[in-house]
Every structure is written in structure tokens, then in C-alpha cells.
């Protein structure tokens, strides 16, 4: 049930054309990741304002890491094909390297399969 709700949430945030080329996708991701539609930190804070931790699968995430998990799922859904590419893109956008917990959250989001 949680996976279905998660999929519906990710799908409803917004969609991009499947025909957009990879550079256009990366440019859009970079534009929308800070203060835009892919800045999931704002949405997570609003939706889970009273929750100190958010459960996904068998793991609890703080709000920052859960927002990164959502970002990872979205970039995979948009066509970013490798985890290394997603990590590099995150670093370019935020001008910093992910911590170990942040990296694990991004990997979980990136590897999540939607039916």
C-alpha cells in the first residue's frame, strides 16, 4: 500500500516528456532541484511537519534524507540511468558531497521499482 501511495505521489508531482534528451533532463533537474518542483525538502516538511522520522520500507529516515530519497526516485524516473550519474548530478547541484546516510537514502530512492 505504501509503495502504491509513494508511486502516486511521485507521479502526481509533475511529469516530463519521455522524448526529452538527456541534457534537457539534466538541465531541468538542476533548475527544479533547489526551490523548484524537485525540491522535496519543502514538501516533506509540510507533509510530515510533526513527524521526527519517516518510515519507508523497513527503515526510518529523517526529513532531509527522505527528501533525498524522493529526489533519487524522481531522477531515476526521469531517465537518469546510473547511480553514479545521480550522485554526480546531486553534487553539481548542491556543491557538496552526500554524507553516508544521505547517499544510502538516494540509493534506496534510485533503486525503488514502481509497478
PDB file of N, CA and C in Angstrom:
ATOM      1  N   UNK A   1       0.820  -1.188   0.000  1.00  0.00           N
ATOM      2  CA  UNK A   1       0.000   0.000   0.000  1.00  0.00           C
ATOM      3  C   UNK A   1       0.868   1.257   0.000  1.00  0.00           C
ATOM      4  N   UNK A   2       1.939   1.251   0.839  1.00  0.00           N
ATOM      5  CA  UNK A   2       2.814   2.412   0.909  1.00  0.00           C
ATOM      6  C   UNK A   2       3.498   2.660  -0.429  1.00  0.00           C
ATOM      7  N   UNK A   3       3.890   1.572  -1.110  1.00  0.00           N
ATOM      8  CA  UNK A   3       4.557   1.736  -2.403  1.00  0.00           C
ATOM      9  C   UNK A   3       3.604   2.337  -3.429  1.00  0.00           C
ATOM     10  N   UNK A   4       2.346   1.939  -3.372  1.00  0.00           N
ATOM     11  CA  UNK A   4       1.360   2.485  -4.311  1.00  0.00           C
ATOM     12  C   UNK A   4       1.170   3.975  -4.047  1.00  0.00           C
ATOM     13  N   UNK A   5       1.017   4.339  -2.777  1.00  0.00           N
ATOM     14  CA  UNK A   5       0.861   5.753  -2.436  1.00  0.00           C
ATOM     15  C   UNK A   5       2.096   6.541  -2.822  1.00  0.00           C
ATOM     16  N   UNK A   6       3.278   5.966  -2.587  1.00  0.00           N
ATOM     17  CA  UNK A   6       4.537   6.623  -2.944  1.00  0.00           C
ATOM     18  C   UNK A   6       4.586   6.853  -4.451  1.00  0.00           C
ATOM     19  N   UNK A   7       4.219   5.848  -5.234  1.00  0.00           N
ATOM     20  CA  UNK A   7       4.226   5.971  -6.683  1.00  0.00           C
ATOM     21  C   UNK A   7       3.254   7.048  -7.149  1.00  0.00           C
ATOM     22  N   UNK A   8       2.051   7.042  -6.582  1.00  0.00           N
ATOM     23  CA  UNK A   8       1.069   8.055  -6.960  1.00  0.00           C
ATOM     24  C   UNK A   8       1.560   9.447  -6.608  1.00  0.00           C
ATOM     25  N   UNK A   9       2.217   9.572  -5.452  1.00  0.00           N
ATOM     26  CA  UNK A   9       2.737  10.871  -5.040  1.00  0.00           C
ATOM     27  C   UNK A   9       3.814  11.343  -6.018  1.00  0.00           C
ATOM     28  N   UNK A  10       4.778  10.493  -6.309  1.00  0.00           N
ATOM     29  CA  UNK A  10       5.863  10.860  -7.223  1.00  0.00           C
ATOM     30  C   UNK A  10       5.296  11.199  -8.593  1.00  0.00           C
ATOM     31  N   UNK A  11       4.359  10.401  -9.061  1.00  0.00           N
ATOM     32  CA  UNK A  11       3.783  10.639 -10.387  1.00  0.00           C
ATOM     33  C   UNK A  11       2.990  11.930 -10.443  1.00  0.00           C
ATOM     34  N   UNK A  12       2.347  12.269  -9.327  1.00  0.00           N
ATOM     35  CA  UNK A  12       1.499  13.454  -9.339  1.00  0.00           C
ATOM     36  C   UNK A  12       2.267  14.752  -9.171  1.00  0.00           C
ATOM     37  N   UNK A  13       3.512  14.687  -8.711  1.00  0.00           N
ATOM     38  CA  UNK A  13       4.283  15.916  -8.516  1.00  0.00           C
ATOM     39  C   UNK A  13       4.397  16.649  -9.845  1.00  0.00           C
ATOM     40  N   UNK A  14       4.850  15.980 -10.876  1.00  0.00           N
ATOM     41  CA  UNK A  14       4.853  16.505 -12.234  1.00  0.00           C
ATOM     42  C   UNK A  14       5.480  15.480 -13.157  1.00  0.00           C
ATOM     43  N   UNK A  15       5.267  15.617 -14.444  1.00  0.00           N
ATOM     44  CA  UNK A  15       5.836  14.691 -15.413  1.00  0.00           C
ATOM     45  C   UNK A  15       6.581  15.473 -16.485  1.00  0.00           C
ATOM     46  N   UNK A  16       7.566  14.817 -17.043  1.00  0.00           N
ATOM     47  CA  UNK A  16       8.319  15.389 -18.153  1.00  0.00           C
ATOM     48  C   UNK A  16       8.081  14.520 -19.390  1.00  0.00           C
ATOM     49  N   UNK A  17       8.289  15.088 -20.527  1.00  0.00           N
ATOM     50  CA  UNK A  17       8.170  14.343 -21.778  1.00  0.00           C
ATOM     51  C   UNK A  17       9.224  13.244 -21.831  1.00  0.00           C
ATOM     52  N   UNK A  18       8.818  12.053 -22.201  1.00  0.00           N
ATOM     53  CA  UNK A  18       9.745  10.939 -22.338  1.00  0.00           C
ATOM     54  C   UNK A  18      10.722  11.171 -23.479  1.00  0.00           C
ATOM     55  N   UNK A  19      10.387  12.082 -24.394  1.00  0.00           N
ATOM     56  CA  UNK A  19      11.223  12.301 -25.566  1.00  0.00           C
ATOM     57  C   UNK A  19      12.327  13.324 -25.340  1.00  0.00           C
ATOM     58  N   UNK A  20      12.330  13.959 -24.188  1.00  0.00           N
ATOM     59  CA  UNK A  20      13.363  14.968 -23.918  1.00  0.00           C
ATOM     60  C   UNK A  20      14.717  14.282 -23.884  1.00  0.00           C
ATOM     61  N   UNK A  21      15.706  14.926 -24.459  1.00  0.00           N
ATOM     62  CA  UNK A  21      17.028  14.302 -24.448  1.00  0.00           C
ATOM     63  C   UNK A  21      17.671  14.461 -23.077  1.00  0.00           C
ATOM     64  N   UNK A  22      18.708  13.683 -22.855  1.00  0.00           N
ATOM     65  CA  UNK A  22      19.344  13.589 -21.548  1.00  0.00           C
ATOM     66  C   UNK A  22      19.842  14.932 -21.032  1.00  0.00           C
ATOM     67  N   UNK A  23      20.402  15.759 -21.875  1.00  0.00           N
ATOM     68  CA  UNK A  23      20.904  17.059 -21.423  1.00  0.00           C
ATOM     69  C   UNK A  23      19.766  17.979 -21.000  1.00  0.00           C
ATOM     70  N   UNK A  24      18.657  17.919 -21.714  1.00  0.00           N
ATOM     71  CA  UNK A  24      17.488  18.695 -21.309  1.00  0.00           C
ATOM     72  C   UNK A  24      16.970  18.214 -19.959  1.00  0.00           C
ATOM     73  N   UNK A  25      16.971  16.904 -19.763  1.00  0.00           N
ATOM     74  CA  UNK A  25      16.526  16.336 -18.497  1.00  0.00           C
ATOM     75  C   UNK A  25      17.439  16.813 -17.363  1.00  0.00           C
ATOM     76  N   UNK A  26      18.748  16.735 -17.578  1.00  0.00           N
ATOM     77  CA  UNK A  26      19.693  17.178 -16.548  1.00  0.00           C
ATOM     78  C   UNK A  26      19.526  18.663 -16.251  1.00  0.00           C
ATOM     79  N   UNK A  27      19.334  19.451 -17.279  1.00  0.00           N
ATOM     80  CA  UNK A  27      19.153  20.894 -17.092  1.00  0.00           C
ATOM     81  C   UNK A  27      17.890  21.166 -16.270  1.00  0.00           C
ATOM     82  N   UNK A  28      16.826  20.462 -16.583  1.00  0.00           N
ATOM     83  CA  UNK A  28      15.576  20.635 -15.848  1.00  0.00           C
ATOM     84  C   UNK A  28      15.743  20.195 -14.400  1.00  0.00           C
ATOM     85  N   UNK A  29      16.406  19.072 -14.184  1.00  0.00           N
ATOM     86  CA  UNK A  29      16.646  18.589 -12.823  1.00  0.00           C
ATOM     87  C   UNK A  29      17.435  19.627 -12.037  1.00  0.00           C
ATOM     88  N   UNK A  30      18.464  20.183 -12.644  1.00  0.00           N
ATOM     89  CA  UNK A  30      19.276  21.191 -11.963  1.00  0.00           C
ATOM     90  C   UNK A  30      18.451  22.430 -11.626  1.00  0.00           C
ATOM     91  N   UNK A  31      17.595  22.835 -12.536  1.00  0.00           N
ATOM     92  CA  UNK A  31      16.764  24.022 -12.324  1.00  0.00           C
ATOM     93  C   UNK A  31      15.719  23.791 -11.238  1.00  0.00           C
ATOM     94  N   UNK A  32      15.119  22.617 -11.224  1.00  0.00           N
ATOM     95  CA  UNK A  32      13.989  22.340 -10.332  1.00  0.00           C
ATOM     96  C   UNK A  32      14.382  21.786  -8.964  1.00  0.00           C
ATOM     97  N   UNK A  33      15.662  21.446  -8.768  1.00  0.00           N
ATOM     98  CA  UNK A  33      16.071  20.788  -7.523  1.00  0.00           C
ATOM     99  C   UNK A  33      16.230  21.731  -6.339  1.00  0.00           C
ATOM    100  N   UNK A  34      16.473  22.989  -6.566  1.00  0.00           N
ATOM    101  CA  UNK A  34      16.588  23.946  -5.469  1.00  0.00           C
ATOM    102  C   UNK A  34      15.497  24.996  -5.648  1.00  0.00           C
ATOM    103  N   UNK A  35      14.502  24.919  -4.780  1.00  0.00           N
ATOM    104  CA  UNK A  35      13.402  25.874  -4.827  1.00  0.00           C
ATOM    105  C   UNK A  35      12.343  25.583  -5.866  1.00  0.00           C
ATOM    106  N   UNK A  36      12.497  24.497  -6.605  1.00  0.00           N
ATOM    107  CA  UNK A  36      11.538  24.158  -7.654  1.00  0.00           C
ATOM    108  C   UNK A  36      10.719  22.931  -7.307  1.00  0.00           C
ATOM    109  N   UNK A  37      10.165  22.321  -8.333  1.00  0.00           N
ATOM    110  CA  UNK A  37       9.280  21.175  -8.150  1.00  0.00           C
ATOM    111  C   UNK A  37       9.993  19.916  -7.677  1.00  0.00           C
ATOM    112  N   UNK A  38      11.313  19.884  -7.774  1.00  0.00           N
ATOM    113  CA  UNK A  38      12.054  18.725  -7.282  1.00  0.00           C
ATOM    114  C   UNK A  38      12.767  19.026  -5.970  1.00  0.00           C
ATOM    115  N   UNK A  39      12.418  20.113  -5.335  1.00  0.00           N
ATOM    116  CA  UNK A  39      12.938  20.436  -4.011  1.00  0.00           C
ATOM    117  C   UNK A  39      11.990  19.782  -3.009  1.00  0.00           C
ATOM    118  N   UNK A  40      12.195  18.502  -2.773  1.00  0.00           N
ATOM    119  CA  UNK A  40      11.280  17.727  -1.951  1.00  0.00           C
ATOM    120  C   UNK A  40      11.382  18.068  -0.469  1.00  0.00           C
ATOM    121  N   UNK A  41      12.398  18.794  -0.062  1.00  0.00           N
ATOM    122  CA  UNK A  41      12.536  19.148   1.351  1.00  0.00           C
ATOM    123  C   UNK A  41      11.345  19.989   1.820  1.00  0.00           C
ATOM    124  N   UNK A  42      10.882  20.884   0.992  1.00  0.00           N
ATOM    125  CA  UNK A  42       9.725  21.718   1.356  1.00  0.00           C
ATOM    126  C   UNK A  42       8.470  20.865   1.509  1.00  0.00           C
ATOM    127  N   UNK A  43       8.238  19.980   0.563  1.00  0.00           N
ATOM    128  CA  UNK A  43       7.063  19.119   0.599  1.00  0.00           C
ATOM    129  C   UNK A  43       7.116  18.195   1.805  1.00  0.00           C
ATOM    130  N   UNK A  44       8.276  17.611   2.080  1.00  0.00           N
ATOM    131  CA  UNK A  44       8.410  16.699   3.217  1.00  0.00           C
ATOM    132  C   UNK A  44       8.154  17.445   4.516  1.00  0.00           C
ATOM    133  N   UNK A  45       8.700  18.624   4.643  1.00  0.00           N
ATOM    134  CA  UNK A  45       8.491  19.412   5.863  1.00  0.00           C
ATOM    135  C   UNK A  45       7.019  19.742   6.059  1.00  0.00           C
ATOM    136  N   UNK A  46       6.328  20.091   4.986  1.00  0.00           N
ATOM    137  CA  UNK A  46       4.902  20.412   5.090  1.00  0.00           C
ATOM    138  C   UNK A  46       4.063  19.176   5.415  1.00  0.00           C
ATOM    139  N   UNK A  47       4.317  18.094   4.712  1.00  0.00           N
ATOM    140  CA  UNK A  47       3.504  16.885   4.862  1.00  0.00           C
ATOM    141  C   UNK A  47       3.784  16.165   6.175  1.00  0.00           C
ATOM    142  N   UNK A  48       5.022  16.185   6.634  1.00  0.00           N
ATOM    143  CA  UNK A  48       5.416  15.453   7.834  1.00  0.00           C
ATOM    144  C   UNK A  48       5.933  16.395   8.924  1.00  0.00           C
ATOM    145  N   UNK A  49       5.324  17.552   9.064  1.00  0.00           N
ATOM    146  CA  UNK A  49       5.824  18.569   9.996  1.00  0.00           C
ATOM    147  C   UNK A  49       5.908  18.078  11.440  1.00  0.00           C
ATOM    148  N   UNK A  50       4.998  17.222  11.861  1.00  0.00           N
ATOM    149  CA  UNK A  50       5.009  16.767  13.251  1.00  0.00           C
ATOM    150  C   UNK A  50       5.755  15.443  13.439  1.00  0.00           C
ATOM    151  N   UNK A  51       6.217  14.844  12.356  1.00  0.00           N
ATOM    152  CA  UNK A  51       6.898  13.548  12.447  1.00  0.00           C
ATOM    153  C   UNK A  51       8.410  13.739  12.520  1.00  0.00           C
ATOM    154  N   UNK A  52       9.052  13.213  13.564  1.00  0.00           N
ATOM    155  CA  UNK A  52      10.516  13.329  13.620  1.00  0.00           C
ATOM    156  C   UNK A  52      11.210  12.409  12.614  1.00  0.00           C
ATOM    157  N   UNK A  53      10.593  11.258  12.316  1.00  0.00           N
ATOM    158  CA  UNK A  53      11.157  10.295  11.376  1.00  0.00           C
ATOM    159  C   UNK A  53      10.054   9.795  10.448  1.00  0.00           C
ATOM    160  N   UNK A  54      10.460   9.374   9.254  1.00  0.00           N
ATOM    161  CA  UNK A  54       9.522   8.899   8.244  1.00  0.00           C
ATOM    162  C   UNK A  54       9.924   7.484   7.854  1.00  0.00           C
ATOM    163  N   UNK A  55       8.989   6.561   7.939  1.00  0.00           N
ATOM    164  CA  UNK A  55       9.270   5.179   7.593  1.00  0.00           C
ATOM    165  C   UNK A  55       9.076   4.915   6.111  1.00  0.00           C
ATOM    166  N   UNK A  56      10.027   4.209   5.541  1.00  0.00           N
ATOM    167  CA  UNK A  56       9.910   3.743   4.160  1.00  0.00           C
ATOM    168  C   UNK A  56      10.560   2.372   4.111  1.00  0.00           C
ATOM    169  N   UNK A  57       9.789   1.364   3.720  1.00  0.00           N
ATOM    170  CA  UNK A  57      10.299   0.007   3.803  1.00  0.00           C
ATOM    171  C   UNK A  57      10.510  -0.337   5.272  1.00  0.00           C
ATOM    172  N   UNK A  58      11.669  -0.853   5.608  1.00  0.00           N
ATOM    173  CA  UNK A  58      11.992  -1.211   6.981  1.00  0.00           C
ATOM    174  C   UNK A  58      12.926  -0.201   7.631  1.00  0.00           C
ATOM    175  N   UNK A  59      13.023   0.981   7.067  1.00  0.00           N
ATOM    176  CA  UNK A  59      13.974   1.979   7.549  1.00  0.00           C
ATOM    177  C   UNK A  59      13.258   3.276   7.897  1.00  0.00           C
ATOM    178  N   UNK A  60      13.759   3.939   8.936  1.00  0.00           N
ATOM    179  CA  UNK A  60      13.275   5.262   9.300  1.00  0.00           C
ATOM    180  C   UNK A  60      14.268   6.296   8.788  1.00  0.00           C
ATOM    181  N   UNK A  61      13.755   7.372   8.212  1.00  0.00           N
ATOM    182  CA  UNK A  61      14.584   8.446   7.658  1.00  0.00           C
ATOM    183  C   UNK A  61      14.230   9.756   8.330  1.00  0.00           C
ATOM    184  N   UNK A  62      15.255  10.610   8.515  1.00  0.00           N
ATOM    185  CA  UNK A  62      14.928  11.971   8.926  1.00  0.00           C
ATOM    186  C   UNK A  62      14.385  12.687   7.685  1.00  0.00           C
ATOM    187  N   UNK A  63      13.855  13.867   7.874  1.00  0.00           N
ATOM    188  CA  UNK A  63      13.196  14.572   6.774  1.00  0.00           C
ATOM    189  C   UNK A  63      14.151  14.893   5.630  1.00  0.00           C
ATOM    190  N   UNK A  64      15.360  15.306   5.955  1.00  0.00           N
ATOM    191  CA  UNK A  64      16.338  15.656   4.922  1.00  0.00           C
ATOM    192  C   UNK A  64      16.667  14.429   4.062  1.00  0.00           C
ATOM    193  N   UNK A  65      16.926  13.306   4.723  1.00  0.00           N
ATOM    194  CA  UNK A  65      17.269  12.098   3.980  1.00  0.00           C
ATOM    195  C   UNK A  65      16.085  11.564   3.185  1.00  0.00           C
ATOM    196  N   UNK A  66      14.871  11.701   3.724  1.00  0.00           N
ATOM    197  CA  UNK A  66      13.690  11.252   2.987  1.00  0.00           C
ATOM    198  C   UNK A  66      13.481  12.104   1.735  1.00  0.00           C
ATOM    199  N   UNK A  67      13.751  13.396   1.834  1.00  0.00           N
ATOM    200  CA  UNK A  67      13.653  14.268   0.655  1.00  0.00           C
ATOM    201  C   UNK A  67      14.665  13.829  -0.401  1.00  0.00           C
ATOM    202  N   UNK A  68      15.847  13.422   0.025  1.00  0.00           N
ATOM    203  CA  UNK A  68      16.871  12.926  -0.913  1.00  0.00           C
ATOM    204  C   UNK A  68      16.413  11.616  -1.540  1.00  0.00           C
ATOM    205  N   UNK A  69      15.778  10.753  -0.754  1.00  0.00           N
ATOM    206  CA  UNK A  69      15.236   9.502  -1.273  1.00  0.00           C
ATOM    207  C   UNK A  69      14.221   9.795  -2.389  1.00  0.00           C
ATOM    208  N   UNK A  70      13.329  10.744  -2.141  1.00  0.00           N
ATOM    209  CA  UNK A  70      12.341  11.113  -3.165  1.00  0.00           C
ATOM    210  C   UNK A  70      13.014  11.673  -4.412  1.00  0.00           C
ATOM    211  N   UNK A  71      14.035  12.493  -4.220  1.00  0.00           N
ATOM    212  CA  UNK A  71      14.774  13.057  -5.344  1.00  0.00           C
ATOM    213  C   UNK A  71      15.411  11.935  -6.167  1.00  0.00           C
ATOM    214  N   UNK A  72      16.011  10.963  -5.493  1.00  0.00           N
ATOM    215  CA  UNK A  72      16.622   9.830  -6.200  1.00  0.00           C
ATOM    216  C   UNK A  72      15.614   9.053  -7.026  1.00  0.00           C
ATOM    217  N   UNK A  73      14.429   8.827  -6.458  1.00  0.00           N
ATOM    218  CA  UNK A  73      13.380   8.121  -7.203  1.00  0.00           C
ATOM    219  C   UNK A  73      12.949   8.920  -8.420  1.00  0.00           C
ATOM    220  N   UNK A  74      12.832  10.225  -8.250  1.00  0.00           N
ATOM    221  CA  UNK A  74      12.366  11.070  -9.351  1.00  0.00           C
ATOM    222  C   UNK A  74      13.384  11.142 -10.485  1.00  0.00           C
ATOM    223  N   UNK A  75      14.671  11.300 -10.155  1.00  0.00           N
ATOM    224  CA  UNK A  75      15.657  11.393 -11.243  1.00  0.00           C
ATOM    225  C   UNK A  75      15.751  10.080 -12.009  1.00  0.00           C
ATOM    226  N   UNK A  76      15.609   8.964 -11.310  1.00  0.00           N
ATOM    227  CA  UNK A  76      15.595   7.663 -11.989  1.00  0.00           C
ATOM    228  C   UNK A  76      14.386   7.588 -12.919  1.00  0.00           C
ATOM    229  N   UNK A  77      13.245   8.022 -12.426  1.00  0.00           N
ATOM    230  CA  UNK A  77      12.013   8.019 -13.207  1.00  0.00           C
ATOM    231  C   UNK A  77      12.123   8.923 -14.435  1.00  0.00           C
ATOM    232  N   UNK A  78      12.907   9.982 -14.328  1.00  0.00           N
ATOM    233  CA  UNK A  78      13.062  10.916 -15.439  1.00  0.00           C
ATOM    234  C   UNK A  78      14.070  10.458 -16.485  1.00  0.00           C
ATOM    235  N   UNK A  79      14.842   9.410 -16.170  1.00  0.00           N
ATOM    236  CA  UNK A  79      15.742   8.877 -17.180  1.00  0.00           C
ATOM    237  C   UNK A  79      17.217   8.892 -16.834  1.00  0.00           C
ATOM    238  N   UNK A  80      17.574   9.296 -15.633  1.00  0.00           N
ATOM    239  CA  UNK A  80      18.973   9.183 -15.222  1.00  0.00           C
ATOM    240  C   UNK A  80      19.232   7.697 -15.006  1.00  0.00           C
ATOM    241  N   UNK A  81      20.209   7.166 -15.731  1.00  0.00           N
ATOM    242  CA  UNK A  81      20.327   5.715 -15.826  1.00  0.00           C
ATOM    243  C   UNK A  81      21.239   5.064 -14.807  1.00  0.00           C
ATOM    244  N   UNK A  82      22.181   5.795 -14.229  1.00  0.00           N
ATOM    245  CA  UNK A  82      23.103   5.151 -13.295  1.00  0.00           C
ATOM    246  C   UNK A  82      23.151   5.892 -11.965  1.00  0.00           C
ATOM    247  N   UNK A  83      23.444   5.124 -10.935  1.00  0.00           N
ATOM    248  CA  UNK A  83      23.573   5.696  -9.604  1.00  0.00           C
ATOM    249  C   UNK A  83      24.721   6.699  -9.571  1.00  0.00           C
ATOM    250  N   UNK A  84      25.821   6.386 -10.224  1.00  0.00           N
ATOM    251  CA  UNK A  84      26.965   7.308 -10.268  1.00  0.00           C
ATOM    252  C   UNK A  84      26.576   8.634 -10.908  1.00  0.00           C
ATOM    253  N   UNK A  85      25.767   8.565 -11.947  1.00  0.00           N
ATOM    254  CA  UNK A  85      25.297   9.768 -12.623  1.00  0.00           C
ATOM    255  C   UNK A  85      24.411  10.603 -11.685  1.00  0.00           C
ATOM    256  N   UNK A  86      23.558   9.925 -10.912  1.00  0.00           N
ATOM    257  CA  UNK A  86      22.689  10.623  -9.962  1.00  0.00           C
ATOM    258  C   UNK A  86      23.518  11.279  -8.855  1.00  0.00           C
ATOM    259  N   UNK A  87      24.512  10.573  -8.337  1.00  0.00           N
ATOM    260  CA  UNK A  87      25.380  11.135  -7.296  1.00  0.00           C
ATOM    261  C   UNK A  87      26.149  12.348  -7.818  1.00  0.00           C
ATOM    262  N   UNK A  88      26.654  12.241  -9.035  1.00  0.00           N
ATOM    263  CA  UNK A  88      27.388  13.346  -9.641  1.00  0.00           C
ATOM    264  C   UNK A  88      26.469  14.557  -9.837  1.00  0.00           C
ATOM    265  N   UNK A  89      25.274  14.309 -10.306  1.00  0.00           N
ATOM    266  CA  UNK A  89      24.301  15.374 -10.536  1.00  0.00           C
ATOM    267  C   UNK A  89      23.941  16.066  -9.220  1.00  0.00           C
ATOM    268  N   UNK A  90      23.735  15.292  -8.162  1.00  0.00           N
ATOM    269  CA  UNK A  90      23.445  15.877  -6.849  1.00  0.00           C
ATOM    270  C   UNK A  90      24.595  16.790  -6.412  1.00  0.00           C
ATOM    271  N   UNK A  91      25.823  16.304  -6.578  1.00  0.00           N
ATOM    272  CA  UNK A  91      26.990  17.101  -6.207  1.00  0.00           C
ATOM    273  C   UNK A  91      27.088  18.395  -6.990  1.00  0.00           C
ATOM    274  N   UNK A  92      26.791  18.349  -8.280  1.00  0.00           N
ATOM    275  CA  UNK A  92      26.821  19.551  -9.114  1.00  0.00           C
ATOM    276  C   UNK A  92      25.758  20.552  -8.679  1.00  0.00           C
ATOM    277  N   UNK A  93      24.615  20.065  -8.296  1.00  0.00           N
ATOM    278  CA  UNK A  93      23.505  20.937  -7.910  1.00  0.00           C
ATOM    279  C   UNK A  93      23.767  21.592  -6.557  1.00  0.00           C
ATOM    280  N   UNK A  94      24.244  20.816  -5.606  1.00  0.00           N
ATOM    281  CA  UNK A  94      24.362  21.290  -4.226  1.00  0.00           C
ATOM    282  C   UNK A  94      25.782  21.683  -3.826  1.00  0.00           C
ATOM    283  N   UNK A  95      26.725  21.519  -4.738  1.00  0.00           N
ATOM    284  CA  UNK A  95      28.123  21.869  -4.474  1.00  0.00           C
ATOM    285  C   UNK A  95      28.675  21.221  -3.210  1.00  0.00           C
ATOM    286  N   UNK A  96      28.279  19.991  -2.983  1.00  0.00           N
ATOM    287  CA  UNK A  96      28.801  19.229  -1.850  1.00  0.00           C
ATOM    288  C   UNK A  96      28.590  17.748  -2.102  1.00  0.00           C
ATOM    289  N   UNK A  97      29.344  16.961  -1.390  1.00  0.00           N
ATOM    290  CA  UNK A  97      29.227  15.516  -1.472  1.00  0.00           C
ATOM    291  C   UNK A  97      28.218  15.041  -0.434  1.00  0.00           C
ATOM    292  N   UNK A  98      27.463  14.026  -0.783  1.00  0.00           N
ATOM    293  CA  UNK A  98      26.495  13.464   0.151  1.00  0.00           C
ATOM    294  C   UNK A  98      27.193  12.762   1.305  1.00  0.00           C
ATOM    295  N   UNK A  99      26.599  12.841   2.491  1.00  0.00           N
ATOM    296  CA  UNK A  99      27.092  12.063   3.627  1.00  0.00           C
ATOM    297  C   UNK A  99      26.706  10.602   3.392  1.00  0.00           C
ATOM    298  N   UNK A 100      27.216   9.707   4.212  1.00  0.00           N
ATOM    299  CA  UNK A 100      26.889   8.293   4.060  1.00  0.00           C
ATOM    300  C   UNK A 100      25.386   8.035   4.192  1.00  0.00           C
ATOM    301  N   UNK A 101      24.697   8.569   5.230  1.00  0.00           N
ATOM    302  CA  UNK A 101      23.242   8.340   5.298  1.00  0.00           C
ATOM    303  C   UNK A 101      22.481   8.957   4.118  1.00  0.00           C
ATOM    304  N   UNK A 102      22.904  10.128   3.667  1.00  0.00           N
ATOM    305  CA  UNK A 102      22.263  10.762   2.510  1.00  0.00           C
ATOM    306  C   UNK A 102      22.452   9.920   1.262  1.00  0.00           C
ATOM    307  N   UNK A 103      23.659   9.400   1.089  1.00  0.00           N
ATOM    308  CA  UNK A 103      23.957   8.562  -0.069  1.00  0.00           C
ATOM    309  C   UNK A 103      23.120   7.288  -0.054  1.00  0.00           C
ATOM    310  N   UNK A 104      22.964   6.693   1.120  1.00  0.00           N
ATOM    311  CA  UNK A 104      22.138   5.493   1.235  1.00  0.00           C
ATOM    312  C   UNK A 104      20.684   5.802   0.893  1.00  0.00           C
ATOM    313  N   UNK A 105      20.178   6.953   1.342  1.00  0.00           N
ATOM    314  CA  UNK A 105      18.800   7.343   1.033  1.00  0.00           C
ATOM    315  C   UNK A 105      18.618   7.545  -0.469  1.00  0.00           C
ATOM    316  N   UNK A 106      19.574   8.209  -1.100  1.00  0.00           N
ATOM    317  CA  UNK A 106      19.492   8.417  -2.546  1.00  0.00           C
ATOM    318  C   UNK A 106      19.486   7.072  -3.272  1.00  0.00           C
ATOM    319  N   UNK A 107      20.323   6.149  -2.836  1.00  0.00           N
ATOM    320  CA  UNK A 107      20.381   4.826  -3.462  1.00  0.00           C
ATOM    321  C   UNK A 107      19.067   4.077  -3.318  1.00  0.00           C
ATOM    322  N   UNK A 108      18.456   4.152  -2.136  1.00  0.00           N
ATOM    323  CA  UNK A 108      17.160   3.482  -1.933  1.00  0.00           C
ATOM    324  C   UNK A 108      16.119   4.076  -2.880  1.00  0.00           C
ATOM    325  N   UNK A 109      16.061   5.389  -2.947  1.00  0.00           N
ATOM    326  CA  UNK A 109      15.109   6.033  -3.854  1.00  0.00           C
ATOM    327  C   UNK A 109      15.386   5.677  -5.308  1.00  0.00           C
ATOM    328  N   UNK A 110      16.655   5.672  -5.671  1.00  0.00           N
ATOM    329  CA  UNK A 110      17.039   5.379  -7.046  1.00  0.00           C
ATOM    330  C   UNK A 110      16.692   3.946  -7.434  1.00  0.00           C
ATOM    331  N   UNK A 111      16.829   3.020  -6.490  1.00  0.00           N
ATOM    332  CA  UNK A 111      16.607   1.597  -6.792  1.00  0.00           C
ATOM    333  C   UNK A 111      15.173   1.147  -6.598  1.00  0.00           C
ATOM    334  N   UNK A 112      14.321   2.016  -6.071  1.00  0.00           N
ATOM    335  CA  UNK A 112      12.931   1.645  -5.835  1.00  0.00           C
ATOM    336  C   UNK A 112      12.231   1.402  -7.174  1.00  0.00           C
ATOM    337  N   UNK A 113      11.598   0.257  -7.282  1.00  0.00           N
ATOM    338  CA  UNK A 113      10.875  -0.105  -8.505  1.00  0.00           C
ATOM    339  C   UNK A 113       9.393   0.165  -8.310  1.00  0.00           C
ATOM    340  N   UNK A 114       8.788   0.791  -9.284  1.00  0.00           N
ATOM    341  CA  UNK A 114       7.362   1.070  -9.235  1.00  0.00           C
ATOM    342  C   UNK A 114       6.643   0.178 -10.213  1.00  0.00           C
ATOM    343  N   UNK A 115       5.527  -0.346  -9.788  1.00  0.00           N
ATOM    344  CA  UNK A 115       4.744  -1.266 -10.639  1.00  0.00           C
ATOM    345  C   UNK A 115       3.656  -0.540 -11.368  1.00  0.00           C
TER     346      UNK A 115
END
